[in-house]
């Protein structure tokens, strides 16, 4: 009889354990969700301070008399061709009043590079006019469209290639036979993200003034001339910022996270236009510390970088900028993935100091950080208040609106954890329910024992 009592007790406790575990299993999985890791937190905190930079050049290409005579086509003298060129890159905001850091080559084209780019964009039109004038002098009439289509490939073939044709025009520019005039540069910065279906048109950019540039191009050997740093300024206040760190403390093997707008990941035909403003995050380590031929230091990284990343920040594990994406390794004109170079943040800090520009954070950063900390702890109601404060300060901070929506959804699911508590109300309810069930099982078990005892008597 004693053996049977033990077995009965075991059955009761087994049933209790099974039911208690069942309660735990039906608890919502989000009740046990962990906070993001430090690297992910830093990425979320710093993304609003990273910007997309577009640089547009427009100019007039004027054929000089000497150039027309050299080509044997006097009719070309004085003809003007409008050309446009430009590029894009990344940058980051360093002060709430709108100062931005980027690479010099993102916003500045030295004269020769600008001339080459402009002539390359206008070369076909110039050559069509030259061919048309030559044909007219020989045939006494203008060629038909079909005749032009037949002649142009042959004309280019005479040069050897289109690039060789552009080179001839460039030589003319260097000799003064072609002139660039009415050169105008416009730089725009854009920020935002593609979140919760909210679309931010890429055209809605802020015009930036280029305050100072330390970049004069590349030597024939590919050496960078200058520090390759530029300071921009946009009109505004309470902009989100990022913090410069101390690159002298960086060690080989340290983790590095880069945020920017690589062209290969940004401008794909299958991507929506609005998603162009969602920055790309890549990560790796500091692979080596090296020096350029001018003696300046660069940090080598295996983080995936390519054209368009230029000027973007590289962060350490504290979320501080320790480098600026600047160079990629190439071999025979082809980029070698996994071998890229960062300008140390110390160079940027010195440059800012020389120009009396201070890297500082502001109220938007303060409320954004506080809101995220509360959100990650599931204190959703106070988090919403902080997100709203950040939005009032800087309405373009659309990530804050997205987190407000997420917070409201979490509250409606009963996931909120009141400040001072470690678990949500929903979790408490489930635990209490589990304890009630466990208590009922114990009571029922006790009653069953008593009943068996009475039956024996």
Protein backbone atom coordinates (compact mmCIF):
# COMPACT_ATOMS: atom_id res chain seq x y z
CA UNK A 1 0.00 0.00 0.00
CA UNK A 2 2.87 2.33 0.75
CA UNK A 3 4.23 1.79 -2.76
CA UNK A 4 0.91 2.76 -4.32
CA UNK A 5 0.82 6.00 -2.31
CA UNK A 6 4.24 6.96 -3.64
CA UNK A 7 3.22 6.21 -7.18
CA UNK A 8 0.06 8.31 -6.73
CA UNK A 9 2.14 11.21 -5.38
CA UNK A 10 4.51 11.00 -8.28
CA UNK A 11 1.64 11.05 -10.72
CA UNK A 12 0.22 14.18 -9.11
CA UNK A 13 3.58 15.97 -9.20
CA UNK A 14 4.22 14.84 -12.78
CA UNK A 15 0.84 16.21 -13.78
CA UNK A 16 1.66 19.47 -11.97
CA UNK A 17 4.98 19.79 -13.80
CA UNK A 18 3.42 19.04 -17.18
CA UNK A 19 0.71 21.67 -16.70
CA UNK A 20 3.21 24.25 -15.42
CA UNK A 21 5.45 23.63 -18.43
CA UNK A 22 2.42 23.88 -20.70
CA UNK A 23 1.70 27.31 -19.29
CA UNK A 24 5.30 28.38 -19.94
CA UNK A 25 5.14 27.04 -23.51
CA UNK A 26 2.04 29.05 -24.35
CA UNK A 27 3.65 32.23 -23.10
CA UNK A 28 4.18 34.60 -26.03
CA UNK A 29 7.75 34.21 -27.34
CA UNK A 30 8.16 38.00 -27.45
CA UNK A 31 7.82 38.01 -23.65
CA UNK A 32 11.35 36.57 -23.54
CA UNK A 33 12.79 38.66 -26.39
CA UNK A 34 16.31 39.87 -25.69
CA UNK A 35 17.64 43.37 -26.19
CA UNK A 36 19.68 43.84 -29.40
CA UNK A 37 23.41 43.30 -29.13
CA UNK A 38 25.67 46.32 -28.68
CA UNK A 39 26.72 46.41 -32.36
CA UNK A 40 23.10 46.44 -33.51
CA UNK A 41 22.20 49.13 -30.98
CA UNK A 42 25.03 51.34 -32.21
CA UNK A 43 23.92 50.86 -35.80
CA UNK A 44 20.35 51.89 -34.98
CA UNK A 45 21.52 54.87 -32.91
CA UNK A 46 23.88 56.18 -35.60
CA UNK A 47 21.94 55.57 -38.82
CA UNK A 48 20.02 58.89 -38.68
CA UNK A 49 23.33 60.78 -38.68
CA UNK A 50 24.57 59.18 -41.92
CA UNK A 51 23.66 60.96 -45.16
CA UNK A 52 23.57 60.34 -48.90
CA UNK A 53 25.47 62.99 -50.88
CA UNK A 54 24.81 63.91 -54.51
CA UNK A 55 27.12 66.26 -56.40
CA UNK A 56 26.02 67.80 -59.69
CA UNK A 57 28.19 69.83 -62.08
CA UNK A 58 26.92 71.76 -65.07
CA UNK A 59 29.11 73.73 -67.47
CA UNK A 60 29.55 75.03 -71.01
CA UNK A 61 32.14 73.52 -73.35
CA UNK A 62 33.24 76.15 -75.87
CA UNK A 63 35.26 75.24 -78.97
CA UNK A 64 37.91 77.90 -79.50
CA UNK A 65 38.96 79.13 -82.93
CA UNK A 66 42.30 77.38 -82.61
CA UNK A 67 40.52 74.12 -81.88
CA UNK A 68 38.22 74.47 -84.88
CA UNK A 69 41.16 75.21 -87.16
CA UNK A 70 43.13 72.27 -85.75
CA UNK A 71 40.16 70.01 -86.57
CA UNK A 72 39.92 71.51 -90.05
CA UNK A 73 36.33 72.55 -89.40
CA UNK A 74 36.17 76.36 -88.94
CA UNK A 75 32.39 76.13 -88.49
CA UNK A 76 32.98 74.65 -85.02
CA UNK A 77 34.57 77.87 -83.74
CA UNK A 78 32.53 79.36 -80.92
CA UNK A 79 30.09 76.46 -80.74
CA UNK A 80 28.94 75.78 -77.19
CA UNK A 81 27.89 72.46 -75.71
CA UNK A 82 26.17 72.10 -72.36
CA UNK A 83 27.50 69.27 -70.24
CA UNK A 84 26.52 67.72 -66.94
CA UNK A 85 28.41 65.36 -64.72
CA UNK A 86 28.68 64.43 -61.06
CA UNK A 87 28.74 61.64 -58.57
CA UNK A 88 27.50 60.45 -55.23
CA UNK A 89 28.84 59.23 -51.93
CA UNK A 90 28.22 59.13 -48.21
CA UNK A 91 28.82 61.44 -45.29
CA UNK A 92 27.91 62.01 -41.65
CA UNK A 93 26.58 64.88 -39.57
CA UNK A 94 28.94 66.07 -36.84
CA UNK A 95 26.94 68.90 -35.24
CA UNK A 96 23.24 69.70 -34.67
CA UNK A 97 23.54 72.91 -36.68
CA UNK A 98 24.33 71.05 -39.89
CA UNK A 99 28.07 70.52 -40.33
CA UNK A 100 28.87 67.36 -42.29
CA UNK A 101 32.07 65.43 -42.97
CA UNK A 102 32.82 63.47 -46.12
CA UNK A 103 35.65 62.69 -48.53
CA UNK A 104 36.96 65.54 -50.63
CA UNK A 105 36.57 63.51 -53.82
CA UNK A 106 32.81 63.08 -53.16
CA UNK A 107 32.12 66.81 -53.63
CA UNK A 108 35.11 68.16 -55.54
CA UNK A 109 36.43 67.40 -59.02
CA UNK A 110 39.82 68.96 -59.80
CA UNK A 111 39.96 70.85 -63.11
CA UNK A 112 41.45 68.07 -65.23
CA UNK A 113 39.09 65.42 -63.88
CA UNK A 114 36.11 67.73 -64.38
CA UNK A 115 37.21 68.49 -67.96
CA UNK A 116 37.63 64.79 -68.78
CA UNK A 117 34.24 63.95 -67.34
CA UNK A 118 32.52 66.85 -69.14
CA UNK A 119 34.17 66.09 -72.48
CA UNK A 120 33.29 62.43 -72.11
CA UNK A 121 29.60 63.31 -71.64
CA UNK A 122 29.58 65.70 -74.62
CA UNK A 123 31.99 63.85 -76.95
CA UNK A 124 29.34 62.17 -79.09
CA UNK A 125 27.48 65.44 -79.72
CA UNK A 126 30.70 67.28 -80.60
CA UNK A 127 31.77 64.52 -82.97
CA UNK A 128 28.33 64.44 -84.62
CA UNK A 129 28.62 68.16 -85.38
CA UNK A 130 32.16 67.74 -86.70
CA UNK A 131 31.04 64.85 -88.93
CA UNK A 132 28.00 66.80 -90.14
CA UNK A 133 30.10 69.84 -91.10
CA UNK A 134 32.65 67.70 -92.95
CA UNK A 135 29.87 65.87 -94.81
CA UNK A 136 28.21 69.18 -95.70
CA UNK A 137 31.46 70.58 -97.10
CA UNK A 138 31.85 67.49 -99.27
CA UNK A 139 28.24 66.74 -100.28
CA UNK A 140 26.75 70.23 -100.14
CA UNK A 141 23.98 69.07 -97.82
CA UNK A 142 23.44 67.73 -94.32
CA UNK A 143 23.55 63.98 -93.88
CA UNK A 144 20.35 62.09 -93.19
CA UNK A 145 19.83 60.38 -89.85
CA UNK A 146 20.52 57.03 -91.50
CA UNK A 147 23.77 58.31 -92.97
CA UNK A 148 24.84 59.67 -89.59
CA UNK A 149 24.11 56.32 -87.96
CA UNK A 150 26.35 54.63 -90.55
CA UNK A 151 29.16 57.19 -90.33
CA UNK A 152 29.52 57.65 -86.58
CA UNK A 153 30.84 54.15 -85.75
CA UNK A 154 33.39 54.53 -88.58
CA UNK A 155 34.49 57.93 -87.28
CA UNK A 156 35.02 56.53 -83.78
CA UNK A 157 36.90 53.59 -85.29
CA UNK A 158 39.29 56.08 -86.90
CA UNK A 159 40.27 57.20 -83.40
CA UNK A 160 40.66 53.62 -82.26
CA UNK A 161 38.00 53.80 -79.54
CA UNK A 162 35.59 56.23 -77.94
CA UNK A 163 38.02 56.75 -75.06
CA UNK A 164 40.75 57.64 -77.54
CA UNK A 165 38.38 60.17 -79.10
CA UNK A 166 37.75 61.74 -75.67
CA UNK A 167 41.49 61.80 -75.10
CA UNK A 168 41.97 63.86 -78.26
CA UNK A 169 39.38 66.35 -77.01
CA UNK A 170 41.13 66.43 -73.63
CA UNK A 171 44.46 67.19 -75.31
CA UNK A 172 42.70 70.06 -77.04
CA UNK A 173 41.47 71.29 -73.65
CA UNK A 174 45.01 71.19 -72.24
CA UNK A 175 46.27 73.16 -75.25
CA UNK A 176 43.58 75.82 -74.83
CA UNK A 177 41.64 74.79 -77.94
CA UNK A 178 38.61 73.87 -75.84
CA UNK A 179 37.43 75.89 -72.86
CA UNK A 180 35.11 75.18 -69.93
CA UNK A 181 32.95 78.06 -68.75
CA UNK A 182 29.93 78.76 -66.52
CA UNK A 183 30.91 75.94 -64.18
CA UNK A 184 28.32 75.42 -61.47
CA UNK A 185 28.38 72.89 -58.66
CA UNK A 186 25.39 71.85 -56.55
CA UNK A 187 25.63 69.48 -53.62
CA UNK A 188 22.63 67.90 -51.91
CA UNK A 189 22.38 65.72 -48.86
CA UNK A 190 19.50 63.36 -48.19
CA UNK A 191 18.64 61.17 -45.29
CA UNK A 192 15.88 58.80 -44.37
CA UNK A 193 14.90 55.19 -44.56
CA UNK A 194 12.30 52.90 -46.04
CA UNK A 195 10.37 51.94 -42.92
CA UNK A 196 6.81 50.78 -42.32
CA UNK A 197 5.90 51.59 -45.90
CA UNK A 198 6.75 55.29 -45.48
CA UNK A 199 8.33 56.63 -48.65
CA UNK A 200 10.66 59.61 -48.68
CA UNK A 201 11.25 60.93 -52.26
CA UNK A 202 14.94 61.10 -53.06
CA UNK A 203 14.40 64.54 -54.62
CA UNK A 204 13.65 66.00 -51.20
CA UNK A 205 17.24 66.83 -50.38
CA UNK A 206 18.86 69.71 -48.53
CA UNK A 207 21.25 71.90 -50.46
CA UNK A 208 24.71 71.93 -48.91
CA UNK A 209 27.44 74.54 -49.04
CA UNK A 210 30.95 73.19 -49.47
CA UNK A 211 32.83 75.07 -46.76
CA UNK A 212 36.31 73.67 -47.28
CA UNK A 213 37.95 70.85 -49.23
CA UNK A 214 41.41 69.36 -48.89
CA UNK A 215 41.69 67.32 -52.08
CA UNK A 216 43.47 68.05 -55.35
CA UNK A 217 42.98 64.79 -57.18
CA UNK A 218 45.24 61.84 -57.80
CA UNK A 219 48.75 61.69 -59.16
CA UNK A 220 49.67 59.59 -62.20
CA UNK A 221 50.73 56.87 -59.78
CA UNK A 222 47.32 56.96 -58.13
CA UNK A 223 48.48 58.82 -55.03
CA UNK A 224 45.90 60.95 -53.24
CA UNK A 225 46.83 64.64 -53.27
CA UNK A 226 45.62 66.19 -50.02
CA UNK A 227 43.83 64.84 -46.97
CA UNK A 228 40.76 63.95 -49.06
CA UNK A 229 38.39 65.50 -46.51
CA UNK A 230 35.60 68.04 -46.97
CA UNK A 231 33.34 69.95 -44.60
CA UNK A 232 29.80 70.73 -45.77
CA UNK A 233 27.10 72.84 -44.17
CA UNK A 234 23.32 72.64 -44.47
CA UNK A 235 20.80 75.01 -42.97
CA UNK A 236 19.00 73.47 -40.05
CA UNK A 237 18.95 72.81 -36.35
CA UNK A 238 18.64 69.82 -34.06
CA UNK A 239 20.01 67.46 -36.71
CA UNK A 240 20.98 63.95 -35.52
CA UNK A 241 24.73 63.51 -35.28
CA UNK A 242 27.48 60.94 -34.81
CA UNK A 243 30.47 61.11 -32.49
CA UNK A 244 34.11 61.02 -33.55
CA UNK A 245 36.26 58.54 -31.64
CA UNK A 246 40.01 58.25 -31.07
CA UNK A 247 41.53 56.30 -33.95
CA UNK A 248 44.91 56.21 -32.20
CA UNK A 249 43.42 53.59 -29.88
CA UNK A 250 42.42 51.30 -32.75
CA UNK A 251 44.16 47.92 -32.82
CA UNK A 252 44.44 45.38 -35.61
CA UNK A 253 41.61 42.88 -35.11
CA UNK A 254 39.16 45.44 -33.72
CA UNK A 255 35.66 45.25 -35.15
CA UNK A 256 34.52 47.92 -37.58
CA UNK A 257 30.99 48.68 -38.84
CA UNK A 258 30.52 50.91 -41.88
CA UNK A 259 27.30 52.69 -42.80
CA UNK A 260 26.92 54.23 -46.23
CA UNK A 261 25.45 54.16 -49.72
CA UNK A 262 27.46 51.84 -51.98
CA UNK A 263 26.32 52.36 -55.56
CA UNK A 264 26.15 48.65 -56.34
CA UNK A 265 23.64 48.12 -53.50
CA UNK A 266 21.81 51.44 -53.86
CA UNK A 267 21.03 51.84 -57.56
CA UNK A 268 19.65 48.54 -58.74
CA UNK A 269 16.82 48.54 -61.27
CA UNK A 270 14.80 46.08 -59.24
CA UNK A 271 14.86 48.36 -56.15
CA UNK A 272 12.25 51.04 -55.61
CA UNK A 273 13.45 54.62 -55.95
CA UNK A 274 12.44 55.36 -52.36
CA UNK A 275 14.60 52.58 -50.94
CA UNK A 276 17.69 54.32 -52.29
CA UNK A 277 17.69 56.28 -49.04
CA UNK A 278 18.06 53.18 -46.87
CA UNK A 279 21.78 53.00 -46.01
CA UNK A 280 23.73 49.78 -46.20
CA UNK A 281 25.54 48.41 -43.14
CA UNK A 282 28.63 46.24 -43.59
CA UNK A 283 31.03 44.99 -40.97
CA UNK A 284 34.45 43.45 -40.58
CA UNK A 285 37.67 44.04 -38.69
CA UNK A 286 40.64 46.35 -38.91
CA UNK A 287 42.96 44.14 -40.95
CA UNK A 288 46.09 46.29 -40.81
CA UNK A 289 47.51 49.74 -40.19
CA UNK A 290 49.37 51.11 -43.19
CA UNK A 291 50.73 54.38 -44.55
CA UNK A 292 50.25 56.10 -47.89
CA UNK A 293 53.15 57.32 -49.98
CA UNK A 294 52.73 60.79 -48.47
CA UNK A 295 53.29 59.28 -45.01
CA UNK A 296 49.71 59.58 -43.76
CA UNK A 297 48.12 56.61 -42.02
CA UNK A 298 45.21 54.53 -43.28
CA UNK A 299 43.33 51.69 -41.63
CA UNK A 300 42.82 48.62 -43.78
CA UNK A 301 39.54 46.75 -43.33
CA UNK A 302 37.87 43.67 -44.79
CA UNK A 303 34.40 45.24 -44.44
CA UNK A 304 32.69 45.23 -47.84
CA UNK A 305 33.14 48.72 -49.34
CA UNK A 306 32.80 50.00 -52.87
CA UNK A 307 32.14 53.16 -54.86
CA UNK A 308 29.47 55.19 -53.08
CA UNK A 309 30.73 54.23 -49.63
CA UNK A 310 33.29 57.02 -49.94
CA UNK A 311 32.92 59.53 -47.12
CA UNK A 312 30.85 57.20 -44.95
CA UNK A 313 31.70 56.56 -41.28
CA UNK A 314 33.28 53.41 -39.85
CA UNK A 315 32.30 52.80 -36.22
CA UNK A 316 34.00 50.96 -33.39
CA UNK A 317 32.14 48.81 -30.87
CA UNK A 318 31.34 51.92 -28.78
CA UNK A 319 29.48 53.47 -31.71
CA UNK A 320 32.18 56.11 -32.31
CA UNK A 321 33.59 57.00 -35.73
CA UNK A 322 37.16 55.73 -36.01
CA UNK A 323 37.56 56.09 -39.77
CA UNK A 324 36.15 57.44 -43.03
CA UNK A 325 35.70 55.05 -45.97
CA UNK A 326 38.05 56.42 -48.63
CA UNK A 327 39.91 53.96 -50.86
CA UNK A 328 39.51 50.50 -52.35
CA UNK A 329 42.21 48.15 -53.58
CA UNK A 330 42.29 47.62 -57.36
CA UNK A 331 44.27 45.44 -59.71
CA UNK A 332 44.31 46.20 -63.43
CA UNK A 333 41.34 48.49 -62.91
CA UNK A 334 39.28 45.85 -61.10
CA UNK A 335 38.29 46.28 -57.47
CA UNK A 336 39.47 43.62 -55.05
CA UNK A 337 36.72 42.97 -52.51
CA UNK A 338 37.78 42.68 -48.89
CA UNK A 339 40.66 45.15 -49.11
CA UNK A 340 39.58 48.71 -48.43
CA UNK A 341 41.04 51.67 -46.57
CA UNK A 342 39.75 54.17 -44.02
CA UNK A 343 41.07 57.63 -43.29
CA UNK A 344 41.60 57.67 -39.49
CA UNK A 345 39.22 59.86 -37.50
CA UNK A 346 42.24 61.62 -35.97
CA UNK A 347 42.89 63.29 -39.35
CA UNK A 348 39.27 64.46 -39.44
CA UNK A 349 39.46 65.74 -35.84
CA UNK A 350 42.60 67.75 -36.61
CA UNK A 351 40.99 69.15 -39.76
CA UNK A 352 37.89 70.24 -37.83
CA UNK A 353 40.03 71.86 -35.16
CA UNK A 354 41.94 73.83 -37.81
CA UNK A 355 38.66 75.08 -39.25
CA UNK A 356 37.10 75.86 -35.83
CA UNK A 357 34.29 73.33 -36.28
CA UNK A 358 33.24 71.38 -33.21
CA UNK A 359 31.96 67.81 -33.17
CA UNK A 360 29.08 67.84 -30.69
CA UNK A 361 25.75 66.16 -30.10
CA UNK A 362 22.41 67.81 -29.39
CA UNK A 363 18.92 67.44 -27.98
CA UNK A 364 17.68 65.22 -30.80
CA UNK A 365 20.48 62.75 -30.08
CA UNK A 366 19.68 62.89 -26.37
CA UNK A 367 15.97 62.08 -26.81
CA UNK A 368 16.62 59.53 -29.59
CA UNK A 369 19.06 57.60 -27.41
CA UNK A 370 16.84 57.77 -24.33
CA UNK A 371 13.81 56.65 -26.36
CA UNK A 372 15.64 53.65 -27.77
CA UNK A 373 16.95 52.62 -24.35
CA UNK A 374 13.38 52.69 -23.00
CA UNK A 375 12.07 50.84 -26.06
CA UNK A 376 14.64 48.05 -25.70
CA UNK A 377 13.64 47.67 -22.03
CA UNK A 378 9.98 47.47 -23.17
CA UNK A 379 9.04 50.67 -21.35
CA UNK A 380 6.92 51.61 -24.34
CA UNK A 381 4.80 54.46 -22.94
CA UNK A 382 7.75 56.64 -21.82
CA UNK A 383 9.61 55.58 -24.97
CA UNK A 384 6.81 57.02 -27.11
CA UNK A 385 7.07 60.31 -25.21
CA UNK A 386 10.81 60.50 -25.94
CA UNK A 387 10.38 59.54 -29.61
CA UNK A 388 7.78 62.31 -29.94
CA UNK A 389 10.17 64.82 -28.37
CA UNK A 390 12.85 63.82 -30.89
CA UNK A 391 10.35 64.18 -33.74
CA UNK A 392 9.27 67.63 -32.60
CA UNK A 393 12.90 68.70 -32.60
CA UNK A 394 13.67 67.11 -35.98
CA UNK A 395 10.57 66.08 -38.01
CA UNK A 396 12.70 64.29 -40.66
CA UNK A 397 13.64 61.62 -38.11
CA UNK A 398 11.22 59.14 -39.64
CA UNK A 399 12.76 56.21 -37.76
CA UNK A 400 11.24 57.69 -34.59
CA UNK A 401 7.76 57.53 -36.11
CA UNK A 402 8.35 53.90 -36.99
CA UNK A 403 9.32 53.07 -33.42
CA UNK A 404 6.25 54.90 -32.10
CA UNK A 405 4.08 52.59 -34.22
CA UNK A 406 5.98 49.53 -33.00
CA UNK A 407 5.62 50.67 -29.39
CA UNK A 408 1.87 51.18 -29.75
CA UNK A 409 1.48 47.70 -31.25
CA UNK A 410 3.48 46.17 -28.39
CA UNK A 411 1.32 47.98 -25.80
CA UNK A 412 -1.84 46.65 -27.46
CA UNK A 413 -0.44 43.13 -27.14
CA UNK A 414 0.16 43.66 -23.44
CA UNK A 415 3.94 43.45 -23.73
CA UNK A 416 4.79 46.64 -21.89
CA UNK A 417 7.06 46.37 -18.86
CA UNK A 418 6.39 49.14 -16.35
CA UNK A 419 9.49 51.01 -15.24
CA UNK A 420 10.92 49.32 -12.16
CA UNK A 421 9.66 45.89 -13.25
CA UNK A 422 11.63 43.26 -15.12
CA UNK A 423 8.77 41.53 -16.94
CA UNK A 424 5.65 42.59 -18.83
CA UNK A 425 2.08 42.59 -17.55
CA UNK A 426 1.20 39.77 -19.94
CA UNK A 427 4.05 37.66 -18.60
CA UNK A 428 2.93 38.33 -15.00
CA UNK A 429 -0.62 37.24 -15.86
CA UNK A 430 0.61 33.99 -17.37
CA UNK A 431 2.86 33.27 -14.41
CA UNK A 432 0.02 33.95 -11.95
CA UNK A 433 -2.24 31.71 -14.02
CA UNK A 434 0.41 29.00 -13.91
CA UNK A 435 0.72 29.31 -10.14
CA UNK A 436 -3.06 29.17 -9.74
CA UNK A 437 -3.21 26.00 -11.83
CA UNK A 438 -0.33 24.53 -9.83
CA UNK A 439 -2.10 25.44 -6.58
CA UNK A 440 -5.32 23.83 -7.77
CA UNK A 441 -3.44 20.67 -8.67
CA UNK A 442 -1.89 20.52 -5.20
CA UNK A 443 -5.27 21.10 -3.54
CA UNK A 444 -6.93 18.48 -5.73
CA UNK A 445 -4.09 16.09 -4.97
CA UNK A 446 -4.48 16.70 -1.25
CA UNK A 447 -8.22 16.13 -1.42
CA UNK A 448 -7.65 12.93 -3.36
CA UNK A 449 -5.31 11.67 -0.64
CA UNK A 450 -7.81 12.47 2.08
CA UNK A 451 -10.54 10.72 0.14
CA UNK A 452 -8.39 7.61 -0.20
CA UNK A 453 -7.63 7.76 3.52
CA UNK A 454 -11.35 7.98 4.34
CA UNK A 455 -12.11 5.04 2.06
CA UNK A 456 -9.51 2.94 3.92
CA UNK A 457 -11.03 3.80 7.23
